[in-house]
N, C-alpha and C. Protein backbone atom coordinates (compact mmCIF):
# COMPACT_ATOMS: atom_id res chain seq x y z
N MET A 1 -8.26 0.11 -5.24
CA MET A 1 -8.77 0.87 -3.55
C MET A 1 -9.75 1.71 -3.54
N LYS A 2 -10.68 2.24 -4.23
CA LYS A 2 -11.76 2.75 -3.61
C LYS A 2 -13.28 1.88 -3.99
N ILE A 3 -12.54 0.51 -4.91
CA ILE A 3 -13.94 -0.31 -4.82
C ILE A 3 -13.60 -0.85 -3.19
N ARG A 4 -12.75 -1.28 -2.92
CA ARG A 4 -13.09 -2.17 -1.94
C ARG A 4 -13.23 -1.32 -0.68
N PHE A 5 -12.70 -0.17 -0.71
CA PHE A 5 -13.34 0.77 0.71
C PHE A 5 -14.64 0.93 0.53
N PHE A 6 -14.99 1.05 -0.90
CA PHE A 6 -16.54 1.09 -1.48
C PHE A 6 -17.48 0.06 -0.39
N THR A 7 -16.65 -1.29 -1.16
CA THR A 7 -17.63 -2.71 -0.73
C THR A 7 -16.88 -2.63 1.18
N PHE A 8 -16.68 -2.05 1.08
CA PHE A 8 -16.48 -2.36 3.10
C PHE A 8 -17.69 -1.48 3.45
N ILE A 9 -17.65 -0.54 3.34
CA ILE A 9 -18.48 0.56 3.69
C ILE A 9 -20.30 0.57 4.00
N VAL A 10 -20.30 -0.60 2.30
CA VAL A 10 -21.86 -0.83 1.78
C VAL A 10 -21.66 -2.70 3.08
N VAL A 11 -21.09 -2.63 3.51
CA VAL A 11 -20.86 -4.16 4.10
C VAL A 11 -21.03 -3.56 5.44
N LEU A 12 -20.20 -2.77 6.03
CA LEU A 12 -20.52 -2.08 6.84
C LEU A 12 -21.84 -1.57 8.20
N ALA A 13 -22.50 -0.77 6.28
CA ALA A 13 -23.75 -0.30 6.47
C ALA A 13 -24.87 -1.45 6.79
N GLY A 14 -24.36 -2.93 5.82
CA GLY A 14 -25.42 -3.63 6.14
C GLY A 14 -25.19 -4.14 7.43
N PHE A 15 -24.35 -4.69 7.95
CA PHE A 15 -24.43 -4.76 9.07
C PHE A 15 -25.21 -4.08 10.78
N GLY A 16 -25.42 -2.98 9.58
CA GLY A 16 -25.86 -1.62 11.06
C GLY A 16 -26.87 -2.00 10.59
N THR A 17 -27.56 -1.80 9.45
CA THR A 17 -28.76 -1.80 9.33
C THR A 17 -29.69 -3.36 9.53
N GLY A 18 -29.17 -4.02 9.07
CA GLY A 18 -29.22 -5.31 9.15
C GLY A 18 -29.94 -5.83 10.68
N GLY A 19 -29.19 -5.15 11.72
CA GLY A 19 -29.75 -5.38 13.12
C GLY A 19 -30.64 -4.25 13.48
N CYS A 20 -31.98 -3.52 12.54
CA CYS A 20 -32.74 -3.24 12.95
C CYS A 20 -33.48 -3.27 13.09
N ASP A 21 -34.05 -4.68 12.19
CA ASP A 21 -35.10 -5.05 11.94
C ASP A 21 -35.46 -6.51 12.58
N GLN A 22 -33.99 -6.91 13.35
CA GLN A 22 -33.91 -8.31 14.22
C GLN A 22 -34.42 -7.54 15.57
N SER A 23 -34.20 -8.94 16.76
CA SER A 23 -34.76 -8.70 18.33
C SER A 23 -32.94 -7.78 18.50
N LYS A 24 -33.72 -7.13 19.33
CA LYS A 24 -31.80 -6.47 20.41
C LYS A 24 -31.09 -7.57 20.61
N VAL A 25 -31.19 -8.57 20.30
CA VAL A 25 -29.88 -9.28 21.08
C VAL A 25 -29.03 -8.88 20.61
N PRO A 26 -27.74 -8.64 21.08
CA PRO A 26 -26.22 -7.98 21.13
C PRO A 26 -25.66 -9.57 20.05
N LEU A 27 -24.67 -9.52 19.55
CA LEU A 27 -23.80 -10.31 18.97
C LEU A 27 -23.06 -11.11 19.52
N ASP A 28 -22.60 -12.79 19.73
CA ASP A 28 -22.41 -12.59 21.07
C ASP A 28 -21.17 -12.98 20.61
N ALA A 29 -19.98 -13.68 21.15
CA ALA A 29 -18.54 -13.37 21.43
C ALA A 29 -18.40 -13.63 19.66
N GLU A 30 -18.35 -14.34 19.94
CA GLU A 30 -17.75 -15.28 18.37
C GLU A 30 -18.16 -14.27 17.75
N SER A 31 -19.18 -13.89 17.21
CA SER A 31 -19.78 -13.03 16.27
C SER A 31 -19.20 -11.49 16.02
N ARG A 32 -18.36 -11.22 17.42
CA ARG A 32 -17.58 -10.09 17.80
C ARG A 32 -16.21 -9.97 16.74
N ARG A 33 -15.80 -11.23 17.62
CA ARG A 33 -14.34 -11.78 17.38
C ARG A 33 -14.49 -12.36 15.69
N MET A 34 -15.27 -12.05 14.56
CA MET A 34 -15.32 -12.49 13.77
C MET A 34 -15.07 -11.23 13.29
N VAL A 35 -16.10 -9.78 13.52
CA VAL A 35 -15.95 -8.68 12.97
C VAL A 35 -14.70 -8.11 13.16
N ASP A 36 -14.44 -7.98 14.66
CA ASP A 36 -12.88 -7.60 14.54
C ASP A 36 -11.62 -7.94 14.06
N SER A 37 -11.70 -9.51 14.06
CA SER A 37 -10.44 -9.94 12.89
C SER A 37 -10.37 -9.77 12.19
N LEU A 38 -11.99 -9.81 10.73
CA LEU A 38 -11.55 -9.60 9.93
C LEU A 38 -11.54 -7.75 9.60
N SER A 39 -12.41 -6.85 10.73
CA SER A 39 -11.66 -5.71 9.90
C SER A 39 -9.95 -4.83 10.46
N ALA A 40 -10.28 -5.78 11.71
CA ALA A 40 -8.38 -5.52 11.62
C ALA A 40 -7.56 -6.27 10.51
N ALA A 41 -7.92 -7.01 9.89
CA ALA A 41 -6.99 -7.34 8.73
C ALA A 41 -7.52 -6.92 7.59
N TYR A 42 -8.86 -6.65 7.30
CA TYR A 42 -9.13 -5.23 6.28
C TYR A 42 -7.99 -3.76 6.26
N ILE A 43 -8.30 -3.46 7.57
CA ILE A 43 -7.17 -2.32 7.56
C ILE A 43 -5.75 -2.31 7.78
N GLY A 44 -5.44 -3.33 7.99
CA GLY A 44 -3.77 -3.93 7.66
C GLY A 44 -3.86 -3.77 6.13
N ASN A 45 -4.82 -4.39 5.89
CA ASN A 45 -4.81 -4.66 3.64
C ASN A 45 -4.64 -3.29 3.19
N GLU A 46 -5.11 -2.52 3.89
CA GLU A 46 -5.70 -1.27 3.29
C GLU A 46 -4.26 0.07 3.67
N ARG A 47 -3.73 -0.87 5.38
CA ARG A 47 -2.73 0.70 5.36
C ARG A 47 -1.35 0.18 4.96
N ARG A 48 -1.02 -1.19 3.88
CA ARG A 48 0.01 -1.33 3.22
C ARG A 48 0.12 -0.80 2.16
N VAL A 49 -1.58 -0.58 1.60
CA VAL A 49 -1.39 -0.24 0.42
C VAL A 49 -1.24 1.56 0.84
N ILE A 50 -1.88 1.84 1.90
CA ILE A 50 -1.43 3.12 1.45
C ILE A 50 -0.21 3.54 1.71
N ASP A 51 0.38 2.95 2.61
CA ASP A 51 1.86 2.43 2.77
C ASP A 51 3.08 2.67 1.27
N SER A 52 2.90 2.29 0.94
CA SER A 52 2.72 1.93 -0.19
C SER A 52 2.45 3.08 -1.58
N PHE A 53 1.41 3.69 -1.48
CA PHE A 53 1.75 5.18 -2.14
C PHE A 53 2.35 5.99 -0.91
N CYS A 54 1.95 6.14 -0.20
CA CYS A 54 2.80 7.30 0.37
C CYS A 54 4.79 6.79 -0.22
N LYS A 55 5.45 5.95 0.18
CA LYS A 55 6.37 5.35 -0.45
C LYS A 55 6.83 6.12 -1.76
N VAL A 56 6.20 5.82 -2.96
CA VAL A 56 5.99 6.35 -4.13
C VAL A 56 6.30 7.55 -4.29
N GLN A 57 4.96 8.23 -3.46
CA GLN A 57 5.52 9.71 -3.63
C GLN A 57 6.70 10.36 -3.32
N ASN A 58 7.21 9.51 -1.91
CA ASN A 58 8.48 10.27 -1.52
C ASN A 58 9.09 10.06 -2.59
N THR A 59 9.12 8.93 -3.25
CA THR A 59 10.43 8.72 -4.42
C THR A 59 10.45 9.30 -5.83
N THR A 60 8.86 9.70 -6.26
CA THR A 60 8.96 10.32 -7.38
C THR A 60 8.29 11.44 -7.70
N VAL A 61 7.62 11.53 -7.03
CA VAL A 61 6.57 13.21 -7.06
C VAL A 61 7.75 13.89 -6.03
N LEU A 62 7.59 14.30 -5.48
CA LEU A 62 8.56 15.03 -3.84
C LEU A 62 10.25 15.57 -4.47
N PRO A 63 11.03 14.47 -5.33
CA PRO A 63 12.07 15.53 -5.91
C PRO A 63 11.60 16.22 -6.58
N GLN A 64 11.09 16.01 -7.43
CA GLN A 64 10.30 16.51 -9.00
C GLN A 64 9.81 17.49 -8.02
N MET A 65 9.07 17.61 -7.05
CA MET A 65 8.20 19.65 -6.99
C MET A 65 9.40 20.19 -5.70
N ILE A 66 10.15 19.24 -5.63
CA ILE A 66 11.46 19.86 -5.00
C ILE A 66 12.16 20.65 -5.85
N ASP A 67 12.85 20.16 -7.10
CA ASP A 67 13.74 19.97 -8.42
C ASP A 67 12.83 21.60 -8.97
N SER A 68 11.21 22.20 -8.71
CA SER A 68 10.50 22.59 -9.50
C SER A 68 10.67 24.15 -8.67
N ILE A 69 10.37 23.61 -7.02
CA ILE A 69 10.73 25.20 -6.66
C ILE A 69 12.29 25.15 -6.67
N LYS A 70 13.16 24.68 -6.53
CA LYS A 70 14.51 24.97 -6.64
C LYS A 70 14.76 26.09 -7.71
N GLN A 71 14.00 25.57 -8.80
CA GLN A 71 14.22 26.54 -10.38
C GLN A 71 14.05 27.99 -10.16
N VAL A 72 12.95 28.02 -9.47
CA VAL A 72 11.75 29.11 -9.45
C VAL A 72 12.31 29.98 -8.54
N ARG A 73 12.67 29.61 -6.93
CA ARG A 73 13.84 30.18 -6.41
C ARG A 73 15.08 30.76 -6.82
N LYS A 74 15.90 29.97 -7.78
CA LYS A 74 17.15 30.60 -8.58
C LYS A 74 16.32 31.35 -9.55
N LYS A 75 15.52 30.85 -10.11
CA LYS A 75 15.10 32.11 -10.84
C LYS A 75 15.30 33.75 -10.26
N GLN A 76 14.63 33.43 -8.85
CA GLN A 76 14.30 35.14 -8.43
C GLN A 76 15.63 35.35 -7.89
N ILE A 77 16.24 34.97 -7.73
CA ILE A 77 17.53 35.46 -6.66
C ILE A 77 18.49 35.50 -7.73
N GLU A 78 18.45 35.35 -9.75
CA GLU A 78 19.11 35.80 -10.55
C GLU A 78 19.03 36.88 -11.05
N GLU A 79 16.94 37.33 -10.25
CA GLU A 79 15.90 38.47 -10.80
C GLU A 79 16.76 39.76 -9.93
N GLN A 80 16.73 39.18 -8.79
CA GLN A 80 16.87 40.27 -7.23
C GLN A 80 18.06 40.72 -7.96
N LEU A 81 19.76 39.54 -8.40
CA LEU A 81 20.66 40.24 -8.22
C LEU A 81 21.04 40.83 -9.60
N LYS A 82 20.15 40.70 -10.76
CA LYS A 82 19.87 41.88 -11.80
C LYS A 82 19.63 43.13 -11.58
N ALA A 83 18.94 43.75 -10.16
CA ALA A 83 18.61 44.87 -10.09
C ALA A 83 19.23 45.25 -9.05
N ILE A 84 20.64 44.66 -8.16
CA ILE A 84 20.95 45.14 -7.41
C ILE A 84 22.59 46.34 -8.15
N PRO A 85 22.18 47.23 -8.09
CA PRO A 85 23.45 48.47 -8.55
C PRO A 85 24.63 48.08 -8.73
N LYS A 86 25.40 48.21 -9.37
CA LYS A 86 26.56 48.12 -9.45
C LYS A 86 27.92 49.08 -9.77
């Protein structure tokens, strides 16, 4: 994913710097549509990848973190209960 993102940034930078040495003619409508459709497709694809990472995090990592926090809290409660005079 990082390689694709880096490639996308390099391509965008190439578009940006490529226009510097050419005449100041703006992109025609077809070129703008092409750039727009390519970027929309790329963003949609990356959004699906990122969403899948979030789903994995929510189903695996998050429950483990919650269990760990619960264990720590149970130990804290037990220590507090031991400190209460009987």
